[in-house]
Amino acid sequence: MKKFMAVFTGTASAREKAERELTDEAARNERDRKGMEAWGKWVDTHRDSIVDMGAPLGRTKRVGRDGISDISNALAAYTVVQAESYEAAAKMFENHPHFTIFPGEAVEVMECLPIPGGTA
């Protein structure tokens, strides 16, 4: 089995648009409840394939040759799964609540490759 990192993406503008469209707090709470319930069902369905449940992601610091700076990006959360192929890994995230219920935009799936020359 190969390992794949899935990165959940979403922009601030998508979140703001969803909040404008759903102004009633009770309706937002209901969306959140339904979303978390659906996410829990997704986890139950794919439990045997989940290597690392991951977590939501917070603010971002960029570290480079020029030093450390605050930046923003579209990364919202991550999880690591195992699957036989890219296609199988990607199919796990079809119709995921991140973008079907919540205001997330997509899930990007990439293979975790071995370190060149490494033993792991």
PDB file of N, CA and C in Angstrom:
ATOM      1  N   MET A   1       0.847  -1.188   0.000  1.00  0.00           N
ATOM      2  CA  MET A   1       0.000   0.000   0.000  1.00  0.00           C
ATOM      3  C   MET A   1       0.888   1.245   0.000  1.00  0.00           C
ATOM      4  N   LYS A   2       0.456   2.230  -0.753  1.00  0.00           N
ATOM      5  CA  LYS A   2       1.148   3.505  -0.813  1.00  0.00           C
ATOM      6  C   LYS A   2       0.460   4.479   0.137  1.00  0.00           C
ATOM      7  N   LYS A   3       1.218   5.467   0.603  1.00  0.00           N
ATOM      8  CA  LYS A   3       0.653   6.511   1.458  1.00  0.00           C
ATOM      9  C   LYS A   3       0.391   7.755   0.616  1.00  0.00           C
ATOM     10  N   PHE A   4      -0.702   8.434   0.953  1.00  0.00           N
ATOM     11  CA  PHE A   4      -1.088   9.653   0.263  1.00  0.00           C
ATOM     12  C   PHE A   4      -1.485  10.712   1.286  1.00  0.00           C
ATOM     13  N   MET A   5      -1.003  11.927   1.073  1.00  0.00           N
ATOM     14  CA  MET A   5      -1.440  13.045   1.900  1.00  0.00           C
ATOM     15  C   MET A   5      -2.577  13.738   1.173  1.00  0.00           C
ATOM     16  N   ALA A   6      -3.639  13.973   1.892  1.00  0.00           N
ATOM     17  CA  ALA A   6      -4.767  14.721   1.359  1.00  0.00           C
ATOM     18  C   ALA A   6      -4.789  16.071   2.059  1.00  0.00           C
ATOM     19  N   VAL A   7      -4.751  17.127   1.280  1.00  0.00           N
ATOM     20  CA  VAL A   7      -4.776  18.477   1.818  1.00  0.00           C
ATOM     21  C   VAL A   7      -6.121  19.110   1.470  1.00  0.00           C
ATOM     22  N   PHE A   8      -6.830  19.518   2.491  1.00  0.00           N
ATOM     23  CA  PHE A   8      -8.135  20.151   2.324  1.00  0.00           C
ATOM     24  C   PHE A   8      -7.894  21.643   2.095  1.00  0.00           C
ATOM     25  N   THR A   9      -8.464  22.177   1.017  1.00  0.00           N
ATOM     26  CA  THR A   9      -8.237  23.582   0.694  1.00  0.00           C
ATOM     27  C   THR A   9      -9.536  24.383   0.763  1.00  0.00           C
ATOM     28  N   GLY A  10      -9.359  25.647   1.015  1.00  0.00           N
ATOM     29  CA  GLY A  10     -10.482  26.568   1.045  1.00  0.00           C
ATOM     30  C   GLY A  10      -9.959  27.973   1.239  1.00  0.00           C
ATOM     31  N   THR A  11     -10.555  28.907   0.593  1.00  0.00           N
ATOM     32  CA  THR A  11     -10.105  30.288   0.713  1.00  0.00           C
ATOM     33  C   THR A  11     -10.998  31.062   1.670  1.00  0.00           C
ATOM     34  N   ALA A  12     -10.466  32.155   2.159  1.00  0.00           N
ATOM     35  CA  ALA A  12     -11.257  33.027   3.033  1.00  0.00           C
ATOM     36  C   ALA A  12     -12.479  33.556   2.296  1.00  0.00           C
ATOM     37  N   SER A  13     -12.322  33.845   1.005  1.00  0.00           N
ATOM     38  CA  SER A  13     -13.469  34.375   0.248  1.00  0.00           C
ATOM     39  C   SER A  13     -14.588  33.341   0.128  1.00  0.00           C
ATOM     40  N   ALA A  14     -14.254  32.065  -0.016  1.00  0.00           N
ATOM     41  CA  ALA A  14     -15.287  31.022  -0.073  1.00  0.00           C
ATOM     42  C   ALA A  14     -16.010  30.914   1.265  1.00  0.00           C
ATOM     43  N   ARG A  15     -15.250  30.995   2.353  1.00  0.00           N
ATOM     44  CA  ARG A  15     -15.849  30.929   3.686  1.00  0.00           C
ATOM     45  C   ARG A  15     -16.759  32.146   3.909  1.00  0.00           C
ATOM     46  N   GLU A  16     -16.283  33.333   3.518  1.00  0.00           N
ATOM     47  CA  GLU A  16     -17.086  34.549   3.672  1.00  0.00           C
ATOM     48  C   GLU A  16     -18.365  34.477   2.840  1.00  0.00           C
ATOM     49  N   LYS A  17     -18.258  33.957   1.623  1.00  0.00           N
ATOM     50  CA  LYS A  17     -19.439  33.806   0.758  1.00  0.00           C
ATOM     51  C   LYS A  17     -20.457  32.875   1.410  1.00  0.00           C
ATOM     52  N   ALA A  18     -19.981  31.767   1.972  1.00  0.00           N
ATOM     53  CA  ALA A  18     -20.887  30.812   2.626  1.00  0.00           C
ATOM     54  C   ALA A  18     -21.562  31.454   3.829  1.00  0.00           C
ATOM     55  N   GLU A  19     -20.827  32.266   4.567  1.00  0.00           N
ATOM     56  CA  GLU A  19     -21.404  32.932   5.732  1.00  0.00           C
ATOM     57  C   GLU A  19     -22.431  33.980   5.308  1.00  0.00           C
ATOM     58  N   ARG A  20     -22.193  34.679   4.188  1.00  0.00           N
ATOM     59  CA  ARG A  20     -23.168  35.654   3.680  1.00  0.00           C
ATOM     60  C   ARG A  20     -24.450  34.954   3.238  1.00  0.00           C
ATOM     61  N   GLU A  21     -24.303  33.783   2.626  1.00  0.00           N
ATOM     62  CA  GLU A  21     -25.466  33.052   2.137  1.00  0.00           C
ATOM     63  C   GLU A  21     -26.245  32.390   3.263  1.00  0.00           C
ATOM     64  N   LEU A  22     -25.578  32.121   4.367  1.00  0.00           N
ATOM     65  CA  LEU A  22     -26.204  31.447   5.500  1.00  0.00           C
ATOM     66  C   LEU A  22     -26.063  32.347   6.724  1.00  0.00           C
ATOM     67  N   THR A  23     -26.875  33.401   6.773  1.00  0.00           N
ATOM     68  CA  THR A  23     -26.718  34.421   7.813  1.00  0.00           C
ATOM     69  C   THR A  23     -27.315  34.013   9.154  1.00  0.00           C
ATOM     70  N   ASP A  24     -28.274  33.113   9.150  1.00  0.00           N
ATOM     71  CA  ASP A  24     -28.925  32.686  10.385  1.00  0.00           C
ATOM     72  C   ASP A  24     -27.996  31.766  11.182  1.00  0.00           C
ATOM     73  N   GLU A  25     -27.714  32.145  12.427  1.00  0.00           N
ATOM     74  CA  GLU A  25     -26.794  31.366  13.265  1.00  0.00           C
ATOM     75  C   GLU A  25     -27.299  29.936  13.485  1.00  0.00           C
ATOM     76  N   ALA A  26     -28.584  29.785  13.673  1.00  0.00           N
ATOM     77  CA  ALA A  26     -29.147  28.446  13.870  1.00  0.00           C
ATOM     78  C   ALA A  26     -28.930  27.586  12.621  1.00  0.00           C
ATOM     79  N   ALA A  27     -29.084  28.186  11.450  1.00  0.00           N
ATOM     80  CA  ALA A  27     -28.858  27.446  10.205  1.00  0.00           C
ATOM     81  C   ALA A  27     -27.384  27.067  10.057  1.00  0.00           C
ATOM     82  N   ARG A  28     -26.475  27.980  10.420  1.00  0.00           N
ATOM     83  CA  ARG A  28     -25.037  27.654  10.373  1.00  0.00           C
ATOM     84  C   ARG A  28     -24.713  26.517  11.336  1.00  0.00           C
ATOM     85  N   ASN A  29     -25.280  26.578  12.535  1.00  0.00           N
ATOM     86  CA  ASN A  29     -25.045  25.510  13.514  1.00  0.00           C
ATOM     87  C   ASN A  29     -25.552  24.171  13.000  1.00  0.00           C
ATOM     88  N   GLU A  30     -26.702  24.198  12.329  1.00  0.00           N
ATOM     89  CA  GLU A  30     -27.253  22.961  11.766  1.00  0.00           C
ATOM     90  C   GLU A  30     -26.361  22.446  10.642  1.00  0.00           C
ATOM     91  N   ARG A  31     -25.858  23.337   9.787  1.00  0.00           N
ATOM     92  CA  ARG A  31     -24.924  22.929   8.733  1.00  0.00           C
ATOM     93  C   ARG A  31     -23.682  22.293   9.354  1.00  0.00           C
ATOM     94  N   ASP A  32     -23.164  22.919  10.400  1.00  0.00           N
ATOM     95  CA  ASP A  32     -21.969  22.392  11.058  1.00  0.00           C
ATOM     96  C   ASP A  32     -22.240  21.020  11.673  1.00  0.00           C
ATOM     97  N   ARG A  33     -23.406  20.865  12.288  1.00  0.00           N
ATOM     98  CA  ARG A  33     -23.761  19.576  12.892  1.00  0.00           C
ATOM     99  C   ARG A  33     -23.843  18.493  11.820  1.00  0.00           C
ATOM    100  N   LYS A  34     -24.550  18.809  10.726  1.00  0.00           N
ATOM    101  CA  LYS A  34     -24.690  17.848   9.631  1.00  0.00           C
ATOM    102  C   LYS A  34     -23.326  17.550   8.995  1.00  0.00           C
ATOM    103  N   GLY A  35     -22.508  18.580   8.865  1.00  0.00           N
ATOM    104  CA  GLY A  35     -21.184  18.392   8.286  1.00  0.00           C
ATOM    105  C   GLY A  35     -20.306  17.489   9.131  1.00  0.00           C
ATOM    106  N   MET A  36     -20.305  17.698  10.433  1.00  0.00           N
ATOM    107  CA  MET A  36     -19.481  16.862  11.317  1.00  0.00           C
ATOM    108  C   MET A  36     -20.017  15.434  11.371  1.00  0.00           C
ATOM    109  N   GLU A  37     -21.331  15.278  11.314  1.00  0.00           N
ATOM    110  CA  GLU A  37     -21.921  13.938  11.267  1.00  0.00           C
ATOM    111  C   GLU A  37     -21.489  13.218   9.984  1.00  0.00           C
ATOM    112  N   ALA A  38     -21.549  13.922   8.857  1.00  0.00           N
ATOM    113  CA  ALA A  38     -21.135  13.330   7.578  1.00  0.00           C
ATOM    114  C   ALA A  38     -19.643  13.028   7.580  1.00  0.00           C
ATOM    115  N   TRP A  39     -18.850  13.909   8.172  1.00  0.00           N
ATOM    116  CA  TRP A  39     -17.401  13.680   8.250  1.00  0.00           C
ATOM    117  C   TRP A  39     -17.128  12.427   9.089  1.00  0.00           C
ATOM    118  N   GLY A  40     -17.857  12.272  10.193  1.00  0.00           N
ATOM    119  CA  GLY A  40     -17.714  11.075  11.030  1.00  0.00           C
ATOM    120  C   GLY A  40     -18.050   9.801  10.262  1.00  0.00           C
ATOM    121  N   LYS A  41     -19.081   9.860   9.428  1.00  0.00           N
ATOM    122  CA  LYS A  41     -19.435   8.704   8.595  1.00  0.00           C
ATOM    123  C   LYS A  41     -18.331   8.423   7.577  1.00  0.00           C
ATOM    124  N   TRP A  42     -17.730   9.492   7.017  1.00  0.00           N
ATOM    125  CA  TRP A  42     -16.620   9.314   6.084  1.00  0.00           C
ATOM    126  C   TRP A  42     -15.462   8.605   6.793  1.00  0.00           C
ATOM    127  N   VAL A  43     -15.157   9.047   8.009  1.00  0.00           N
ATOM    128  CA  VAL A  43     -14.076   8.417   8.787  1.00  0.00           C
ATOM    129  C   VAL A  43     -14.406   6.947   9.036  1.00  0.00           C
ATOM    130  N   ASP A  44     -15.620   6.639   9.448  1.00  0.00           N
ATOM    131  CA  ASP A  44     -16.012   5.250   9.691  1.00  0.00           C
ATOM    132  C   ASP A  44     -15.863   4.400   8.433  1.00  0.00           C
ATOM    133  N   THR A  45     -16.256   4.946   7.294  1.00  0.00           N
ATOM    134  CA  THR A  45     -16.170   4.225   6.028  1.00  0.00           C
ATOM    135  C   THR A  45     -14.723   3.919   5.642  1.00  0.00           C
ATOM    136  N   HIS A  46     -13.808   4.847   5.942  1.00  0.00           N
ATOM    137  CA  HIS A  46     -12.418   4.726   5.488  1.00  0.00           C
ATOM    138  C   HIS A  46     -11.428   4.455   6.617  1.00  0.00           C
ATOM    139  N   ARG A  47     -11.937   4.075   7.776  1.00  0.00           N
ATOM    140  CA  ARG A  47     -11.100   3.878   8.972  1.00  0.00           C
ATOM    141  C   ARG A  47      -9.869   3.002   8.701  1.00  0.00           C
ATOM    142  N   ASP A  48     -10.028   1.914   7.963  1.00  0.00           N
ATOM    143  CA  ASP A  48      -8.910   1.005   7.710  1.00  0.00           C
ATOM    144  C   ASP A  48      -7.851   1.611   6.792  1.00  0.00           C
ATOM    145  N   SER A  49      -8.184   2.659   6.085  1.00  0.00           N
ATOM    146  CA  SER A  49      -7.241   3.306   5.162  1.00  0.00           C
ATOM    147  C   SER A  49      -6.596   4.557   5.749  1.00  0.00           C
ATOM    148  N   ILE A  50      -7.101   5.040   6.865  1.00  0.00           N
ATOM    149  CA  ILE A  50      -6.569   6.269   7.460  1.00  0.00           C
ATOM    150  C   ILE A  50      -5.323   5.947   8.271  1.00  0.00           C
ATOM    151  N   VAL A  51      -4.196   6.535   7.865  1.00  0.00           N
ATOM    152  CA  VAL A  51      -2.915   6.342   8.549  1.00  0.00           C
ATOM    153  C   VAL A  51      -2.750   7.389   9.643  1.00  0.00           C
ATOM    154  N   ASP A  52      -3.102   8.623   9.332  1.00  0.00           N
ATOM    155  CA  ASP A  52      -3.015   9.743  10.265  1.00  0.00           C
ATOM    156  C   ASP A  52      -4.248  10.605  10.025  1.00  0.00           C
ATOM    157  N   MET A  53      -5.105  10.722  11.029  1.00  0.00           N
ATOM    158  CA  MET A  53      -6.335  11.502  10.885  1.00  0.00           C
ATOM    159  C   MET A  53      -6.027  12.940  10.512  1.00  0.00           C
ATOM    160  N   GLY A  54      -4.879  13.440  10.916  1.00  0.00           N
ATOM    161  CA  GLY A  54      -4.516  14.811  10.603  1.00  0.00           C
ATOM    162  C   GLY A  54      -5.212  15.785  11.523  1.00  0.00           C
ATOM    163  N   ALA A  55      -5.364  17.022  11.044  1.00  0.00           N
ATOM    164  CA  ALA A  55      -5.938  18.073  11.874  1.00  0.00           C
ATOM    165  C   ALA A  55      -6.207  19.305  11.021  1.00  0.00           C
ATOM    166  N   PRO A  56      -7.039  20.205  11.557  1.00  0.00           N
ATOM    167  CA  PRO A  56      -7.169  21.505  10.907  1.00  0.00           C
ATOM    168  C   PRO A  56      -5.823  22.236  10.989  1.00  0.00           C
ATOM    169  N   LEU A  57      -5.585  23.126  10.045  1.00  0.00           N
ATOM    170  CA  LEU A  57      -4.333  23.876  10.012  1.00  0.00           C
ATOM    171  C   LEU A  57      -4.575  25.335  10.377  1.00  0.00           C
ATOM    172  N   GLY A  58      -3.659  25.894  11.142  1.00  0.00           N
ATOM    173  CA  GLY A  58      -3.781  27.280  11.585  1.00  0.00           C
ATOM    174  C   GLY A  58      -3.018  28.238  10.678  1.00  0.00           C
ATOM    175  N   ARG A  59      -2.682  29.380  11.235  1.00  0.00           N
ATOM    176  CA  ARG A  59      -1.950  30.415  10.491  1.00  0.00           C
ATOM    177  C   ARG A  59      -0.628  29.849   9.986  1.00  0.00           C
ATOM    178  N   THR A  60      -0.068  30.503   8.966  1.00  0.00           N
ATOM    179  CA  THR A  60       1.135  30.006   8.309  1.00  0.00           C
ATOM    180  C   THR A  60       2.288  30.989   8.451  1.00  0.00           C
ATOM    181  N   LYS A  61       3.456  30.459   8.781  1.00  0.00           N
ATOM    182  CA  LYS A  61       4.718  31.194   8.748  1.00  0.00           C
ATOM    183  C   LYS A  61       5.521  30.616   7.597  1.00  0.00           C
ATOM    184  N   ARG A  62       6.102  31.493   6.792  1.00  0.00           N
ATOM    185  CA  ARG A  62       6.988  31.055   5.706  1.00  0.00           C
ATOM    186  C   ARG A  62       8.413  31.290   6.163  1.00  0.00           C
ATOM    187  N   VAL A  63       9.244  30.253   6.045  1.00  0.00           N
ATOM    188  CA  VAL A  63      10.646  30.346   6.416  1.00  0.00           C
ATOM    189  C   VAL A  63      11.465  30.131   5.154  1.00  0.00           C
ATOM    190  N   GLY A  64      12.266  31.098   4.806  1.00  0.00           N
ATOM    191  CA  GLY A  64      13.079  31.018   3.595  1.00  0.00           C
ATOM    192  C   GLY A  64      14.404  31.738   3.794  1.00  0.00           C
ATOM    193  N   ARG A  65      15.133  31.897   2.724  1.00  0.00           N
ATOM    194  CA  ARG A  65      16.433  32.568   2.790  1.00  0.00           C
ATOM    195  C   ARG A  65      16.333  33.993   3.299  1.00  0.00           C
ATOM    196  N   ASP A  66      15.181  34.612   3.053  1.00  0.00           N
ATOM    197  CA  ASP A  66      14.990  35.996   3.479  1.00  0.00           C
ATOM    198  C   ASP A  66      14.459  36.110   4.903  1.00  0.00           C
ATOM    199  N   GLY A  67      14.306  34.988   5.593  1.00  0.00           N
ATOM    200  CA  GLY A  67      13.830  35.016   6.972  1.00  0.00           C
ATOM    201  C   GLY A  67      12.447  34.427   7.126  1.00  0.00           C
ATOM    202  N   ILE A  68      11.755  34.893   8.135  1.00  0.00           N
ATOM    203  CA  ILE A  68      10.438  34.372   8.500  1.00  0.00           C
ATOM    204  C   ILE A  68       9.396  35.452   8.249  1.00  0.00           C
ATOM    205  N   SER A  69       8.293  35.052   7.628  1.00  0.00           N
ATOM    206  CA  SER A  69       7.218  36.009   7.379  1.00  0.00           C
ATOM    207  C   SER A  69       5.872  35.325   7.523  1.00  0.00           C
ATOM    208  N   ASP A  70       4.857  36.128   7.791  1.00  0.00           N
ATOM    209  CA  ASP A  70       3.481  35.637   7.842  1.00  0.00           C
ATOM    210  C   ASP A  70       2.940  35.610   6.422  1.00  0.00           C
ATOM    211  N   ILE A  71       2.270  34.520   6.062  1.00  0.00           N
ATOM    212  CA  ILE A  71       1.637  34.427   4.756  1.00  0.00           C
ATOM    213  C   ILE A  71       0.259  33.801   4.919  1.00  0.00           C
ATOM    214  N   SER A  72      -0.507  33.843   3.866  1.00  0.00           N
ATOM    215  CA  SER A  72      -1.778  33.123   3.865  1.00  0.00           C
ATOM    216  C   SER A  72      -1.776  32.194   2.658  1.00  0.00           C
ATOM    217  N   ASN A  73      -2.503  31.106   2.776  1.00  0.00           N
ATOM    218  CA  ASN A  73      -2.639  30.147   1.684  1.00  0.00           C
ATOM    219  C   ASN A  73      -4.004  29.492   1.798  1.00  0.00           C
ATOM    220  N   ALA A  74      -4.273  28.557   0.939  1.00  0.00           N
ATOM    221  CA  ALA A  74      -5.594  27.915   0.912  1.00  0.00           C
ATOM    222  C   ALA A  74      -5.627  26.599   1.690  1.00  0.00           C
ATOM    223  N   LEU A  75      -4.577  26.281   2.441  1.00  0.00           N
ATOM    224  CA  LEU A  75      -4.532  25.019   3.175  1.00  0.00           C
ATOM    225  C   LEU A  75      -5.401  25.110   4.423  1.00  0.00           C
ATOM    226  N   ALA A  76      -6.307  24.164   4.592  1.00  0.00           N
ATOM    227  CA  ALA A  76      -7.247  24.195   5.708  1.00  0.00           C
ATOM    228  C   ALA A  76      -7.055  23.037   6.683  1.00  0.00           C
ATOM    229  N   ALA A  77      -6.664  21.865   6.181  1.00  0.00           N
ATOM    230  CA  ALA A  77      -6.495  20.679   7.031  1.00  0.00           C
ATOM    231  C   ALA A  77      -5.754  19.631   6.217  1.00  0.00           C
ATOM    232  N   TYR A  78      -5.378  18.543   6.879  1.00  0.00           N
ATOM    233  CA  TYR A  78      -4.735  17.436   6.166  1.00  0.00           C
ATOM    234  C   TYR A  78      -5.116  16.116   6.819  1.00  0.00           C
ATOM    235  N   THR A  79      -4.942  15.054   6.075  1.00  0.00           N
ATOM    236  CA  THR A  79      -5.037  13.693   6.588  1.00  0.00           C
ATOM    237  C   THR A  79      -4.143  12.832   5.712  1.00  0.00           C
ATOM    238  N   VAL A  80      -3.715  11.694   6.232  1.00  0.00           N
ATOM    239  CA  VAL A  80      -2.884  10.758   5.468  1.00  0.00           C
ATOM    240  C   VAL A  80      -3.631   9.434   5.382  1.00  0.00           C
ATOM    241  N   VAL A  81      -3.734   8.926   4.159  1.00  0.00           N
ATOM    242  CA  VAL A  81      -4.419   7.650   3.924  1.00  0.00           C
ATOM    243  C   VAL A  81      -3.478   6.699   3.197  1.00  0.00           C
ATOM    244  N   GLN A  82      -3.864   5.447   3.171  1.00  0.00           N
ATOM    245  CA  GLN A  82      -3.132   4.469   2.362  1.00  0.00           C
ATOM    246  C   GLN A  82      -4.092   3.878   1.347  1.00  0.00           C
ATOM    247  N   ALA A  83      -3.542   3.607   0.155  1.00  0.00           N
ATOM    248  CA  ALA A  83      -4.362   3.045  -0.919  1.00  0.00           C
ATOM    249  C   ALA A  83      -3.433   2.365  -1.915  1.00  0.00           C
ATOM    250  N   GLU A  84      -4.012   1.564  -2.792  1.00  0.00           N
ATOM    251  CA  GLU A  84      -3.236   0.854  -3.806  1.00  0.00           C
ATOM    252  C   GLU A  84      -2.772   1.780  -4.925  1.00  0.00           C
ATOM    253  N   SER A  85      -3.501   2.871  -5.172  1.00  0.00           N
ATOM    254  CA  SER A  85      -3.176   3.742  -6.306  1.00  0.00           C
ATOM    255  C   SER A  85      -3.662   5.159  -6.036  1.00  0.00           C
ATOM    256  N   TYR A  86      -3.173   6.093  -6.884  1.00  0.00           N
ATOM    257  CA  TYR A  86      -3.669   7.471  -6.838  1.00  0.00           C
ATOM    258  C   TYR A  86      -5.174   7.498  -6.984  1.00  0.00           C
ATOM    259  N   GLU A  87      -5.669   6.746  -7.964  1.00  0.00           N
ATOM    260  CA  GLU A  87      -7.102   6.758  -8.242  1.00  0.00           C
ATOM    261  C   GLU A  87      -7.901   6.293  -7.030  1.00  0.00           C
ATOM    262  N   ALA A  88      -7.430   5.234  -6.387  1.00  0.00           N
ATOM    263  CA  ALA A  88      -8.140   4.719  -5.214  1.00  0.00           C
ATOM    264  C   ALA A  88      -8.103   5.730  -4.073  1.00  0.00           C
ATOM    265  N   ALA A  89      -6.958   6.379  -3.895  1.00  0.00           N
ATOM    266  CA  ALA A  89      -6.859   7.394  -2.841  1.00  0.00           C
ATOM    267  C   ALA A  89      -7.785   8.565  -3.146  1.00  0.00           C
ATOM    268  N   ALA A  90      -7.774   9.040  -4.379  1.00  0.00           N
ATOM    269  CA  ALA A  90      -8.607  10.178  -4.753  1.00  0.00           C
ATOM    270  C   ALA A  90     -10.094   9.846  -4.602  1.00  0.00           C
ATOM    271  N   LYS A  91     -10.491   8.652  -4.968  1.00  0.00           N
ATOM    272  CA  LYS A  91     -11.903   8.254  -4.887  1.00  0.00           C
ATOM    273  C   LYS A  91     -12.432   8.305  -3.455  1.00  0.00           C
ATOM    274  N   MET A  92     -11.544   8.124  -2.468  1.00  0.00           N
ATOM    275  CA  MET A  92     -11.978   8.208  -1.066  1.00  0.00           C
ATOM    276  C   MET A  92     -12.582   9.562  -0.740  1.00  0.00           C
ATOM    277  N   PHE A  93     -12.162  10.593  -1.471  1.00  0.00           N
ATOM    278  CA  PHE A  93     -12.566  11.955  -1.141  1.00  0.00           C
ATOM    279  C   PHE A  93     -13.667  12.506  -2.046  1.00  0.00           C
ATOM    280  N   GLU A  94     -14.161  11.688  -2.973  1.00  0.00           N
ATOM    281  CA  GLU A  94     -15.282  12.135  -3.804  1.00  0.00           C
ATOM    282  C   GLU A  94     -16.472  12.449  -2.900  1.00  0.00           C
ATOM    283  N   ASN A  95     -17.108  13.558  -3.157  1.00  0.00           N
ATOM    284  CA  ASN A  95     -18.299  13.987  -2.402  1.00  0.00           C
ATOM    285  C   ASN A  95     -18.038  14.134  -0.904  1.00  0.00           C
ATOM    286  N   HIS A  96     -16.830  14.513  -0.541  1.00  0.00           N
ATOM    287  CA  HIS A  96     -16.460  14.688   0.868  1.00  0.00           C
ATOM    288  C   HIS A  96     -17.206  15.888   1.459  1.00  0.00           C
ATOM    289  N   PRO A  97     -17.606  15.810   2.736  1.00  0.00           N
ATOM    290  CA  PRO A  97     -18.336  16.922   3.357  1.00  0.00           C
ATOM    291  C   PRO A  97     -17.536  18.227   3.419  1.00  0.00           C
ATOM    292  N   HIS A  98     -16.211  18.150   3.278  1.00  0.00           N
ATOM    293  CA  HIS A  98     -15.404  19.373   3.292  1.00  0.00           C
ATOM    294  C   HIS A  98     -15.900  20.368   2.245  1.00  0.00           C
ATOM    295  N   PHE A  99     -16.334  19.866   1.092  1.00  0.00           N
ATOM    296  CA  PHE A  99     -16.812  20.764   0.042  1.00  0.00           C
ATOM    297  C   PHE A  99     -18.267  20.538  -0.359  1.00  0.00           C
ATOM    298  N   THR A 100     -18.901  19.477   0.132  1.00  0.00           N
ATOM    299  CA  THR A 100     -20.318  19.283  -0.188  1.00  0.00           C
ATOM    300  C   THR A 100     -21.236  19.893   0.868  1.00  0.00           C
ATOM    301  N   ILE A 101     -20.730  20.055   2.089  1.00  0.00           N
ATOM    302  CA  ILE A 101     -21.524  20.652   3.166  1.00  0.00           C
ATOM    303  C   ILE A 101     -20.849  21.917   3.683  1.00  0.00           C
ATOM    304  N   PHE A 102     -19.574  21.808   4.008  1.00  0.00           N
ATOM    305  CA  PHE A 102     -18.814  22.960   4.489  1.00  0.00           C
ATOM    306  C   PHE A 102     -18.374  23.823   3.302  1.00  0.00           C
ATOM    307  N   PRO A 103     -17.886  25.038   3.575  1.00  0.00           N
ATOM    308  CA  PRO A 103     -17.485  25.911   2.472  1.00  0.00           C
ATOM    309  C   PRO A 103     -16.080  25.638   1.925  1.00  0.00           C
ATOM    310  N   GLY A 104     -15.522  24.467   2.211  1.00  0.00           N
ATOM    311  CA  GLY A 104     -14.229  24.117   1.621  1.00  0.00           C
ATOM    312  C   GLY A 104     -14.351  23.989   0.121  1.00  0.00           C
ATOM    313  N   GLU A 105     -13.222  24.082  -0.565  1.00  0.00           N
ATOM    314  CA  GLU A 105     -13.266  24.092  -2.023  1.00  0.00           C
ATOM    315  C   GLU A 105     -12.841  22.786  -2.660  1.00  0.00           C
ATOM    316  N   ALA A 106     -11.879  22.084  -2.073  1.00  0.00           N
ATOM    317  CA  ALA A 106     -11.380  20.866  -2.714  1.00  0.00           C
ATOM    318  C   ALA A 106     -10.517  20.084  -1.732  1.00  0.00           C
ATOM    319  N   VAL A 107     -10.150  18.881  -2.151  1.00  0.00           N
ATOM    320  CA  VAL A 107      -9.160  18.067  -1.448  1.00  0.00           C
ATOM    321  C   VAL A 107      -8.114  17.690  -2.489  1.00  0.00           C
ATOM    322  N   GLU A 108      -6.866  18.018  -2.209  1.00  0.00           N
ATOM    323  CA  GLU A 108      -5.768  17.686  -3.109  1.00  0.00           C
ATOM    324  C   GLU A 108      -5.039  16.473  -2.547  1.00  0.00           C
ATOM    325  N   VAL A 109      -4.852  15.455  -3.390  1.00  0.00           N
ATOM    326  CA  VAL A 109      -4.262  14.197  -2.954  1.00  0.00           C
ATOM    327  C   VAL A 109      -2.916  14.000  -3.642  1.00  0.00           C
ATOM    328  N   MET A 110      -1.887  13.716  -2.840  1.00  0.00           N
ATOM    329  CA  MET A 110      -0.558  13.496  -3.397  1.00  0.00           C
ATOM    330  C   MET A 110       0.115  12.322  -2.703  1.00  0.00           C
ATOM    331  N   GLU A 111       0.902  11.563  -3.465  1.00  0.00           N
ATOM    332  CA  GLU A 111       1.595  10.418  -2.898  1.00  0.00           C
ATOM    333  C   GLU A 111       2.752  10.882  -2.019  1.00  0.00           C
ATOM    334  N   CYS A 112       2.942  10.200  -0.899  1.00  0.00           N
ATOM    335  CA  CYS A 112       4.092  10.427  -0.025  1.00  0.00           C
ATOM    336  C   CYS A 112       5.203   9.508  -0.549  1.00  0.00           C
ATOM    337  N   LEU A 113       6.183  10.099  -1.184  1.00  0.00           N
ATOM    338  CA  LEU A 113       7.253   9.329  -1.830  1.00  0.00           C
ATOM    339  C   LEU A 113       8.367   9.008  -0.826  1.00  0.00           C
ATOM    340  N   PRO A 114       9.115   7.934  -1.088  1.00  0.00           N
ATOM    341  CA  PRO A 114      10.242   7.626  -0.205  1.00  0.00           C
ATOM    342  C   PRO A 114      11.331   8.683  -0.338  1.00  0.00           C
ATOM    343  N   ILE A 115      12.087   8.876   0.708  1.00  0.00           N
ATOM    344  CA  ILE A 115      13.209   9.805   0.664  1.00  0.00           C
ATOM    345  C   ILE A 115      14.298   9.192  -0.200  1.00  0.00           C
ATOM    346  N   PRO A 116      14.797   9.929  -1.198  1.00  0.00           N
ATOM    347  CA  PRO A 116      15.831   9.371  -2.088  1.00  0.00           C
ATOM    348  C   PRO A 116      17.060   8.940  -1.274  1.00  0.00           C
ATOM    349  N   GLY A 117      17.489   7.724  -1.503  1.00  0.00           N
ATOM    350  CA  GLY A 117      18.650   7.203  -0.798  1.00  0.00           C
ATOM    351  C   GLY A 117      18.391   6.833   0.636  1.00  0.00           C
ATOM    352  N   GLY A 118      17.152   7.043   1.092  1.00  0.00           N
ATOM    353  CA  GLY A 118      16.811   6.738   2.487  1.00  0.00           C
ATOM    354  C   GLY A 118      16.454   5.283   2.662  1.00  0.00           C
ATOM    355  N   THR A 119      16.347   4.876   3.894  1.00  0.00           N
ATOM    356  CA  THR A 119      15.998   3.489   4.185  1.00  0.00           C
ATOM    357  C   THR A 119      14.548   3.356   4.608  1.00  0.00           C
ATOM    358  N   ALA A 120      13.861   4.466   4.774  1.00  0.00           N
ATOM    359  CA  ALA A 120      12.468   4.401   5.251  1.00  0.00           C
ATOM    360  C   ALA A 120      11.515   4.107   4.137  1.00  0.00           C
TER     361      ALA A 120
END
